[in-house]
Amino acid sequence: MALFAALVPLLAATVLTAPAASARTEAATAVPAATLTEVTNFGTNPSNLQMYIYVPANVTARPAVVVAVHYCTGSGPAMYNGTEYAQLADRYGFIVVYPSVTRSSKCFDVASPQALKRGGGSDPVGIKSMIDWTTRTYSADTSRIFAVGISSGAMMTNVLLGDYPDVFAAGAAFSGVPFGCFATTDGSEWNSTCSGGSITHTPQEWGDIARNAYPGYTGARPRMQLWHGTEDDVLRFHNYGEEVKQWTNVQGVSQTPSVTDSPQSGWSRSRYGGTGDRAPVEAVALQGVGHDLYKWGMGERVLTFFGLNGSGPAPQPEPGGCKVTASTNAWSTGLTGSVTLTNTGTTAINGWKLGFTLPSGQSITNGWGATYSPASGAVTAANVSYNGTIAPNASVTIGYQANHTGNSAAPGAFTLNGAACT
């Protein structure tokens, strides 16, 4: 759509000169290294998408795969030329797949009933075939498949994570709308009500819309990173809040941020369900910025959220690098306990086990925010999937219910990964 033409100057300004290599026709044949290459005959492709792929010369064993999805009026080669994912692939060894629309609008189908259902047809099926070709050909790690998109590609990122929650580990959407917001039944690609920010649902309703793409699925859901400018006049900023509602509900986490900060002037970043770099949902609002949101360099932040740029386990805090506060609320023979762990060190904690001692006569019956073992005495609370990373000066709160025989005091003698906490 012409509405997305504003992105073209940005992406054209950073065009690289390398052309795509000749199309490949053998699905089992690897492509030339360090060259944007078109792959044909890659599998089921109901909407006649083109597939471009970039495999770095230093591709790792069992590489991760990043699907980079273009904006309206764009193409796979334009996405290759105008974003830094190929260079990042050279640095970190993952593979980049660039789907490319052939319909006249050059917009992805995020509106039809076929697109909004797992295996229903249209563009998502073709993109899934590209992923399958890549994982077969390069023995890629199927637990590390990611999607990142701009504008129409951001909307497709939402759709892909809704249709194929068992395929994608995470996604990043720059200037998009929630899954299902653009839905139409009259064959049109554009939904002005959604783009104008006039569609509002409850978190549960948005979550159900996404879950209905794959009825019966009960497995893990992909994490989502959301970016939006407050002055977006193409896909109004209202859609950002609706996306947050949807993906926090899909993840089963609170709509109240675990932490909010400003990593850069004019940016407001909220993390939901966790405080670290790989929280279940991360949302970044850019004050005063319009639809032309994506800038060179943001890709590194995307990879941090994906966990693909070496931002893995960091040194654990030295003794004194953590602080714990604990309290209880008791009744006759029971109580609830709340424990807040704060990282007072200078590096992130990636994976934690908090040790403490329950007073005599107390026994944990259930808990949240951690797994607890054993139920009494010297207890270890270990992080769960969504709160394993604690940034410097950030905190995580966990809780439990317990029985008691008279002593309802809070626990004491806290240790973090074996080091004493204050």
Protein backbone atom coordinates (compact mmCIF):
# COMPACT_ATOMS: atom_id res chain seq x y z
CA MET A 1 0.00 0.00 0.00
CA ALA A 2 1.17 3.52 -0.74
CA LEU A 3 0.67 4.31 2.93
CA PHE A 4 3.91 2.49 3.68
CA ALA A 5 5.99 4.37 1.10
CA ALA A 6 7.44 6.49 3.88
CA LEU A 7 9.70 3.58 4.76
CA VAL A 8 11.32 3.48 1.33
CA PRO A 9 13.72 6.46 1.74
CA LEU A 10 14.96 5.06 5.04
CA LEU A 11 15.67 1.64 3.64
CA ALA A 12 17.01 2.89 0.31
CA ALA A 13 19.51 5.10 2.10
CA THR A 14 21.32 2.04 3.42
CA VAL A 15 21.17 -0.14 0.30
CA LEU A 16 23.99 -2.61 -0.13
CA THR A 17 25.25 -3.39 -3.60
CA ALA A 18 25.25 -7.18 -3.48
CA PRO A 19 22.56 -8.61 -5.81
CA ALA A 20 20.70 -11.82 -5.20
CA ALA A 21 22.31 -14.93 -6.62
CA SER A 22 20.57 -17.07 -9.23
CA ALA A 23 17.53 -18.98 -8.07
CA ARG A 24 18.10 -22.45 -6.66
CA THR A 25 15.78 -25.23 -7.72
CA GLU A 26 17.00 -28.18 -5.65
CA ALA A 27 15.44 -28.06 -2.23
CA ALA A 28 18.21 -30.21 -0.71
CA THR A 29 21.07 -28.08 -2.07
CA ALA A 30 22.74 -25.49 0.14
CA VAL A 31 23.05 -21.98 -1.26
CA PRO A 32 26.26 -19.99 -1.79
CA ALA A 33 27.60 -18.58 1.46
CA ALA A 34 27.50 -14.86 2.27
CA THR A 35 25.28 -14.11 -0.74
CA LEU A 36 21.61 -13.20 -0.85
CA THR A 37 20.11 -16.08 -2.84
CA GLU A 38 16.63 -16.83 -4.09
CA VAL A 39 15.36 -20.35 -3.44
CA THR A 40 12.58 -21.79 -5.59
CA ASN A 41 10.52 -24.96 -5.18
CA PHE A 42 10.90 -24.73 -1.43
CA GLY A 43 7.54 -26.31 -0.63
CA THR A 44 3.84 -25.52 -0.38
CA ASN A 45 3.38 -21.89 -1.39
CA PRO A 46 -0.29 -21.02 -1.98
CA SER A 47 0.23 -17.27 -2.47
CA ASN A 48 3.31 -17.42 -4.71
CA LEU A 49 5.75 -15.82 -2.30
CA GLN A 50 9.42 -15.60 -3.20
CA MET A 51 12.03 -16.91 -0.79
CA TYR A 52 15.41 -15.25 -0.32
CA ILE A 53 17.98 -16.53 2.12
CA TYR A 54 21.29 -15.36 3.54
CA VAL A 55 23.65 -17.95 5.01
CA PRO A 56 26.84 -16.49 6.50
CA ALA A 57 30.21 -18.01 5.70
CA ASN A 58 30.65 -18.84 9.40
CA VAL A 59 27.21 -20.38 9.88
CA THR A 60 27.15 -22.28 13.16
CA ALA A 61 26.28 -25.91 13.64
CA ARG A 62 22.52 -26.22 14.21
CA PRO A 63 22.04 -22.52 13.47
CA ALA A 64 19.19 -20.32 14.59
CA VAL A 65 16.90 -18.93 11.87
CA VAL A 66 15.58 -15.35 11.75
CA VAL A 67 12.67 -14.65 9.38
CA ALA A 68 12.89 -10.95 8.40
CA VAL A 69 9.55 -9.77 7.01
CA HIS A 70 9.29 -6.65 4.85
CA TYR A 71 6.93 -3.66 4.87
CA CYS A 72 4.27 -2.83 2.24
CA THR A 73 5.82 -1.75 -1.11
CA GLY A 74 8.94 -3.63 -0.06
CA SER A 75 10.53 -6.97 -0.91
CA GLY A 76 12.88 -9.55 0.51
CA PRO A 77 15.91 -7.94 -1.17
CA ALA A 78 14.82 -4.51 0.12
CA MET A 79 14.64 -5.90 3.64
CA TYR A 80 18.10 -7.42 3.16
CA ASN A 81 19.47 -4.12 1.88
CA GLY A 82 17.79 -1.85 4.39
CA THR A 83 18.29 -3.71 7.67
CA GLU A 84 21.39 -5.07 9.37
CA TYR A 85 20.34 -8.69 9.89
CA ALA A 86 22.73 -10.07 7.26
CA GLN A 87 25.66 -8.31 8.92
CA LEU A 88 24.50 -9.56 12.29
CA ALA A 89 24.29 -13.06 10.83
CA ASP A 90 27.93 -12.70 9.76
CA ARG A 91 28.79 -11.82 13.36
CA TYR A 92 26.71 -14.43 15.17
CA GLY A 93 26.32 -17.30 12.69
CA PHE A 94 22.54 -17.55 12.28
CA ILE A 95 20.59 -17.76 9.00
CA VAL A 96 18.22 -15.07 7.71
CA VAL A 97 15.17 -15.88 5.57
CA TYR A 98 13.57 -12.98 3.66
CA PRO A 99 10.02 -13.75 2.41
CA SER A 100 8.97 -11.55 -0.52
CA VAL A 101 5.42 -10.74 -1.65
CA THR A 102 4.59 -10.92 -5.36
CA ARG A 103 1.04 -9.48 -5.27
CA SER A 104 0.78 -5.92 -6.60
CA SER A 105 0.43 -4.21 -3.21
CA LYS A 106 3.58 -5.90 -1.92
CA CYS A 107 1.73 -6.20 1.41
CA PHE A 108 1.49 -9.44 3.36
CA ASP A 109 -1.89 -11.06 3.83
CA VAL A 110 -2.75 -10.53 7.49
CA ALA A 111 -6.49 -10.13 6.90
CA SER A 112 -8.00 -13.18 5.22
CA PRO A 113 -9.56 -16.09 7.11
CA GLN A 114 -6.97 -18.36 5.46
CA ALA A 115 -4.06 -16.34 6.83
CA LEU A 116 -5.44 -16.27 10.36
CA LYS A 117 -5.61 -20.03 10.80
CA ARG A 118 -2.80 -22.50 11.22
CA GLY A 119 -2.32 -24.28 7.89
CA GLY A 120 -5.23 -22.33 6.41
CA GLY A 121 -3.36 -21.11 3.37
CA SER A 122 -1.98 -17.83 2.01
CA ASP A 123 1.30 -16.24 3.13
CA PRO A 124 1.84 -17.93 6.52
CA VAL A 125 1.86 -21.38 4.88
CA GLY A 126 4.48 -20.27 2.36
CA ILE A 127 6.66 -18.79 5.10
CA LYS A 128 6.37 -21.98 7.12
CA SER A 129 7.56 -23.89 4.03
CA MET A 130 10.60 -21.60 3.84
CA ILE A 131 11.42 -22.39 7.46
CA ASP A 132 11.01 -26.12 6.85
CA TRP A 133 13.33 -25.94 3.80
CA THR A 134 15.94 -24.11 5.85
CA THR A 135 15.80 -26.43 8.85
CA ARG A 136 16.10 -29.49 6.56
CA THR A 137 18.92 -28.12 4.47
CA TYR A 138 21.04 -26.72 7.29
CA SER A 139 19.94 -28.91 10.24
CA ALA A 140 18.82 -25.71 11.92
CA ASP A 141 17.83 -25.65 15.57
CA THR A 142 14.03 -25.85 15.55
CA SER A 143 13.92 -24.40 19.08
CA ARG A 144 15.51 -21.18 17.82
CA ILE A 145 13.24 -19.92 15.04
CA PHE A 146 12.42 -16.20 15.23
CA ALA A 147 10.50 -13.57 13.26
CA VAL A 148 11.07 -9.83 12.96
CA GLY A 149 9.00 -7.50 10.82
CA ILE A 150 8.38 -3.86 9.96
CA SER A 151 4.87 -2.46 9.39
CA SER A 152 3.11 -5.04 7.19
CA GLY A 153 5.93 -7.38 8.25
CA ALA A 154 5.21 -6.54 11.89
CA MET A 155 1.58 -7.49 11.37
CA MET A 156 2.75 -10.73 9.74
CA THR A 157 5.05 -11.35 12.71
CA ASN A 158 1.98 -11.20 14.97
CA VAL A 159 0.16 -13.57 12.60
CA LEU A 160 3.03 -16.05 12.41
CA LEU A 161 3.34 -16.27 16.19
CA GLY A 162 -0.42 -16.82 16.46
CA ASP A 163 -0.63 -19.41 13.69
CA TYR A 164 2.55 -21.30 14.59
CA PRO A 165 3.25 -20.98 18.33
CA ASP A 166 5.00 -24.33 18.20
CA VAL A 167 7.45 -23.10 15.54
CA PHE A 168 8.61 -19.70 16.79
CA ALA A 169 10.55 -19.02 19.97
CA ALA A 170 10.01 -15.24 19.82
CA GLY A 171 9.13 -12.35 17.55
CA ALA A 172 9.78 -8.62 17.25
CA ALA A 173 7.17 -6.34 15.65
CA PHE A 174 8.00 -2.76 14.62
CA SER A 175 4.86 -0.65 14.04
CA GLY A 176 2.29 -3.44 13.86
CA VAL A 177 -1.19 -4.40 15.08
CA PRO A 178 -2.48 -7.36 17.11
CA PHE A 179 -3.15 -10.75 15.59
CA GLY A 180 -6.60 -10.63 14.00
CA CYS A 181 -7.01 -6.86 14.13
CA PHE A 182 -6.85 -6.56 10.32
CA ALA A 183 -9.29 -9.45 9.75
CA THR A 184 -11.64 -9.00 6.79
CA THR A 185 -14.01 -11.32 4.94
CA ASP A 186 -14.59 -9.33 1.73
CA GLY A 187 -11.21 -9.98 0.13
CA SER A 188 -9.76 -6.58 1.03
CA GLU A 189 -6.23 -6.32 2.38
CA TRP A 190 -6.71 -3.11 4.35
CA ASN A 191 -8.76 -2.60 7.52
CA SER A 192 -9.17 1.12 8.19
CA THR A 193 -10.93 0.57 11.49
CA CYS A 194 -7.91 -1.27 12.84
CA SER A 195 -5.28 0.99 11.28
CA GLY A 196 -7.08 4.03 12.66
CA GLY A 197 -6.94 2.67 16.19
CA SER A 198 -10.67 2.11 16.61
CA ILE A 199 -10.65 -1.55 17.61
CA THR A 200 -10.49 -2.32 21.31
CA HIS A 201 -10.78 -5.67 23.06
CA THR A 202 -10.14 -6.97 26.55
CA PRO A 203 -6.91 -8.88 27.08
CA GLN A 204 -8.88 -12.12 27.27
CA GLU A 205 -10.67 -11.39 24.00
CA TRP A 206 -7.40 -10.58 22.22
CA GLY A 207 -5.79 -13.67 23.68
CA ASP A 208 -8.66 -15.86 22.52
CA ILE A 209 -8.42 -14.43 18.99
CA ALA A 210 -4.75 -15.48 18.82
CA ARG A 211 -5.32 -18.87 20.46
CA ASN A 212 -8.18 -19.68 18.08
CA ALA A 213 -5.70 -19.79 15.22
CA TYR A 214 -4.51 -23.15 16.59
CA PRO A 215 -7.35 -24.61 18.69
CA GLY A 216 -6.29 -27.16 21.24
CA TYR A 217 -2.65 -26.12 21.39
CA THR A 218 -1.42 -26.17 25.00
CA GLY A 219 2.34 -25.85 24.58
CA ALA A 220 4.69 -22.95 25.25
CA ARG A 221 3.94 -19.65 23.55
CA PRO A 222 6.55 -17.48 21.82
CA ARG A 223 7.81 -14.35 23.53
CA MET A 224 7.04 -11.01 21.87
CA GLN A 225 8.89 -7.71 21.57
CA LEU A 226 6.75 -4.75 20.46
CA TRP A 227 7.89 -1.35 19.12
CA HIS A 228 5.67 1.62 18.25
CA GLY A 229 5.92 5.38 17.77
CA THR A 230 3.47 7.54 19.68
CA GLU A 231 2.83 9.69 16.58
CA ASP A 232 2.28 6.82 14.12
CA ASP A 233 -0.29 8.12 11.59
CA VAL A 234 -0.50 4.89 9.55
CA LEU A 235 -1.09 2.28 12.25
CA ARG A 236 -2.19 4.39 15.21
CA PHE A 237 -0.46 4.12 18.56
CA HIS A 238 -3.64 2.68 20.08
CA ASN A 239 -2.67 -0.60 18.43
CA TYR A 240 0.46 -0.79 20.58
CA GLY A 241 -1.59 -1.02 23.76
CA GLU A 242 -3.86 -3.61 22.18
CA GLU A 243 -0.82 -5.71 21.21
CA VAL A 244 0.43 -5.53 24.79
CA LYS A 245 -2.97 -6.73 26.01
CA GLN A 246 -2.94 -9.62 23.56
CA TRP A 247 0.53 -10.99 24.15
CA THR A 248 0.52 -10.60 27.93
CA ASN A 249 -2.73 -12.57 27.95
CA VAL A 250 -1.34 -15.19 25.59
CA GLN A 251 1.70 -15.50 27.86
CA GLY A 252 -0.46 -15.63 30.97
CA VAL A 253 1.32 -12.73 32.67
CA SER A 254 0.07 -9.55 34.30
CA GLN A 255 -0.75 -6.46 32.26
CA THR A 256 1.16 -4.52 34.93
CA PRO A 257 4.84 -4.20 33.94
CA SER A 258 7.40 -5.99 36.08
CA VAL A 259 9.76 -3.11 35.31
CA THR A 260 9.70 0.06 33.22
CA ASP A 261 12.78 2.01 32.17
CA SER A 262 14.15 4.31 29.49
CA PRO A 263 17.07 2.65 27.68
CA GLN A 264 17.39 5.66 25.39
CA SER A 265 16.12 9.25 25.48
CA GLY A 266 12.47 9.34 24.44
CA TRP A 267 12.01 5.59 24.81
CA SER A 268 9.75 3.99 27.39
CA ARG A 269 10.38 0.24 27.76
CA SER A 270 8.11 -2.03 29.78
CA ARG A 271 8.76 -5.66 30.51
CA TYR A 272 5.93 -7.98 31.48
CA GLY A 273 6.21 -11.26 33.35
CA GLY A 274 9.93 -10.74 33.99
CA THR A 275 12.58 -8.08 34.34
CA GLY A 276 15.41 -9.38 32.17
CA ASP A 277 16.38 -9.10 28.52
CA ARG A 278 14.21 -12.09 27.61
CA ALA A 279 10.99 -11.31 29.46
CA PRO A 280 7.83 -12.93 28.05
CA VAL A 281 6.72 -9.56 26.61
CA GLU A 282 8.83 -6.46 26.06
CA ALA A 283 7.21 -3.27 24.74
CA VAL A 284 9.03 -0.09 23.66
CA ALA A 285 7.16 3.15 22.95
CA LEU A 286 9.08 5.91 21.15
CA GLN A 287 7.86 9.37 22.10
CA GLY A 288 7.15 11.72 19.20
CA VAL A 289 8.11 9.14 16.55
CA GLY A 290 5.88 8.28 13.60
CA HIS A 291 5.42 5.18 11.49
CA ASP A 292 8.94 5.41 10.09
CA LEU A 293 10.23 3.74 13.22
CA TYR A 294 12.95 1.22 12.39
CA LYS A 295 16.50 2.55 12.48
CA TRP A 296 19.82 0.84 11.85
CA GLY A 297 21.09 -0.51 15.14
CA MET A 298 17.77 -1.66 16.52
CA GLY A 299 18.55 -5.14 15.20
CA GLU A 300 21.10 -5.65 17.96
CA ARG A 301 18.38 -4.98 20.54
CA VAL A 302 16.15 -7.50 18.77
CA LEU A 303 18.90 -10.11 18.97
CA THR A 304 19.34 -9.40 22.68
CA PHE A 305 15.65 -10.17 23.17
CA PHE A 306 16.01 -13.30 21.01
CA GLY A 307 19.18 -14.34 22.86
CA LEU A 308 21.27 -14.58 19.68
CA ASN A 309 24.03 -12.04 20.25
CA GLY A 310 26.04 -13.55 23.05
CA SER A 311 23.86 -11.98 25.75
CA GLY A 312 23.70 -15.32 27.51
CA PRO A 313 24.69 -16.25 31.05
CA ALA A 314 26.60 -13.48 32.83
CA PRO A 315 28.76 -13.71 35.94
CA GLN A 316 26.68 -14.22 39.05
CA PRO A 317 26.81 -11.59 41.81
CA GLU A 318 29.50 -11.72 44.43
CA PRO A 319 28.44 -11.98 48.07
CA GLY A 320 26.60 -8.77 48.98
CA GLY A 321 25.40 -8.35 45.37
CA CYS A 322 21.81 -9.14 46.27
CA LYS A 323 19.18 -8.00 48.70
CA VAL A 324 16.08 -9.83 49.90
CA THR A 325 12.97 -8.59 51.71
CA ALA A 326 10.38 -11.05 53.00
CA SER A 327 7.03 -10.79 54.73
CA THR A 328 4.14 -13.03 55.70
CA ASN A 329 0.40 -12.61 56.20
CA ALA A 330 -0.95 -15.26 58.57
CA TRP A 331 -4.25 -16.67 59.76
CA SER A 332 -5.06 -19.55 62.17
CA THR A 333 -2.97 -22.37 60.67
CA GLY A 334 -1.92 -20.89 57.33
CA LEU A 335 -0.04 -17.99 55.79
CA THR A 336 1.04 -16.41 52.54
CA GLY A 337 4.64 -15.35 52.09
CA SER A 338 6.13 -12.77 49.74
CA VAL A 339 9.83 -12.61 48.91
CA THR A 340 11.46 -9.90 46.77
CA LEU A 341 14.95 -10.50 45.42
CA THR A 342 16.90 -7.45 44.20
CA ASN A 343 20.10 -7.61 42.13
CA THR A 344 22.39 -5.01 43.71
CA GLY A 345 25.32 -6.01 41.52
CA THR A 346 26.52 -4.47 38.26
CA THR A 347 25.80 -7.41 35.95
CA ALA A 348 22.60 -9.22 35.10
CA ILE A 349 21.72 -12.43 36.92
CA ASN A 350 20.85 -15.14 34.40
CA GLY A 351 19.33 -18.08 36.20
CA TRP A 352 18.90 -17.99 39.97
CA LYS A 353 18.34 -20.25 42.95
CA LEU A 354 17.33 -18.52 46.16
CA GLY A 355 17.99 -20.47 49.33
CA PHE A 356 16.29 -19.72 52.64
CA THR A 357 15.19 -21.42 55.83
CA LEU A 358 11.54 -21.67 56.86
CA PRO A 359 10.78 -21.41 60.58
CA SER A 360 10.03 -24.67 62.34
CA GLY A 361 6.50 -25.92 61.76
CA GLN A 362 6.01 -24.22 58.40
CA SER A 363 5.44 -26.26 55.21
CA ILE A 364 4.85 -24.81 51.74
CA THR A 365 1.66 -26.06 50.08
CA ASN A 366 1.92 -24.13 46.81
CA GLY A 367 3.84 -21.24 45.30
CA TRP A 368 4.21 -18.89 42.35
CA GLY A 369 7.09 -17.20 40.56
CA ALA A 370 9.46 -20.08 41.38
CA THR A 371 9.67 -23.81 41.95
CA TYR A 372 10.16 -24.73 45.63
CA SER A 373 11.95 -27.77 47.04
CA PRO A 374 11.69 -29.19 49.64
CA ALA A 375 8.49 -27.92 51.27
CA SER A 376 10.02 -27.24 54.69
CA GLY A 377 13.32 -26.57 56.39
CA ALA A 378 16.12 -25.39 54.08
CA VAL A 379 14.19 -24.49 50.91
CA THR A 380 15.48 -23.63 47.44
CA ALA A 381 13.32 -21.48 45.17
CA ALA A 382 14.47 -21.72 41.54
CA ASN A 383 13.46 -19.31 38.78
CA VAL A 384 10.79 -20.21 36.25
CA SER A 385 11.06 -19.58 32.50
CA TYR A 386 9.84 -15.98 32.48
CA ASN A 387 11.87 -14.47 35.35
CA GLY A 388 15.28 -16.10 35.13
CA THR A 389 17.08 -12.88 34.26
CA ILE A 390 17.36 -10.02 36.77
CA ALA A 391 19.01 -6.86 35.48
CA PRO A 392 21.22 -4.72 37.74
CA ASN A 393 19.05 -2.82 40.27
CA ALA A 394 15.97 -4.80 39.17
CA SER A 395 13.87 -7.07 41.36
CA VAL A 396 11.69 -10.15 41.12
CA THR A 397 8.95 -11.04 43.60
CA ILE A 398 7.86 -14.59 44.35
CA GLY A 399 5.33 -15.97 46.77
CA TYR A 400 3.98 -19.07 48.44
CA GLN A 401 1.30 -20.42 50.74
CA ALA A 402 2.23 -22.49 53.76
CA ASN A 403 0.80 -24.22 56.77
CA HIS A 404 2.19 -23.36 60.21
CA THR A 405 1.88 -24.69 63.76
CA GLY A 406 2.12 -21.35 65.52
CA ASN A 407 5.25 -19.68 64.17
CA SER A 408 4.21 -17.56 61.18
CA ALA A 409 7.44 -15.53 60.84
CA ALA A 410 9.09 -14.79 57.51
CA PRO A 411 12.05 -16.96 56.42
CA GLY A 412 15.67 -15.92 56.88
CA ALA A 413 19.28 -16.74 55.97
CA PHE A 414 18.97 -16.03 52.24
CA THR A 415 21.54 -17.13 49.67
CA LEU A 416 21.58 -16.50 45.92
CA ASN A 417 23.33 -19.17 43.85
CA GLY A 418 25.27 -20.06 46.96
CA ALA A 419 26.29 -16.48 47.91
CA ALA A 420 24.89 -14.77 50.98
CA CYS A 421 22.34 -11.97 50.48
CA THR A 422 21.87 -8.98 52.75
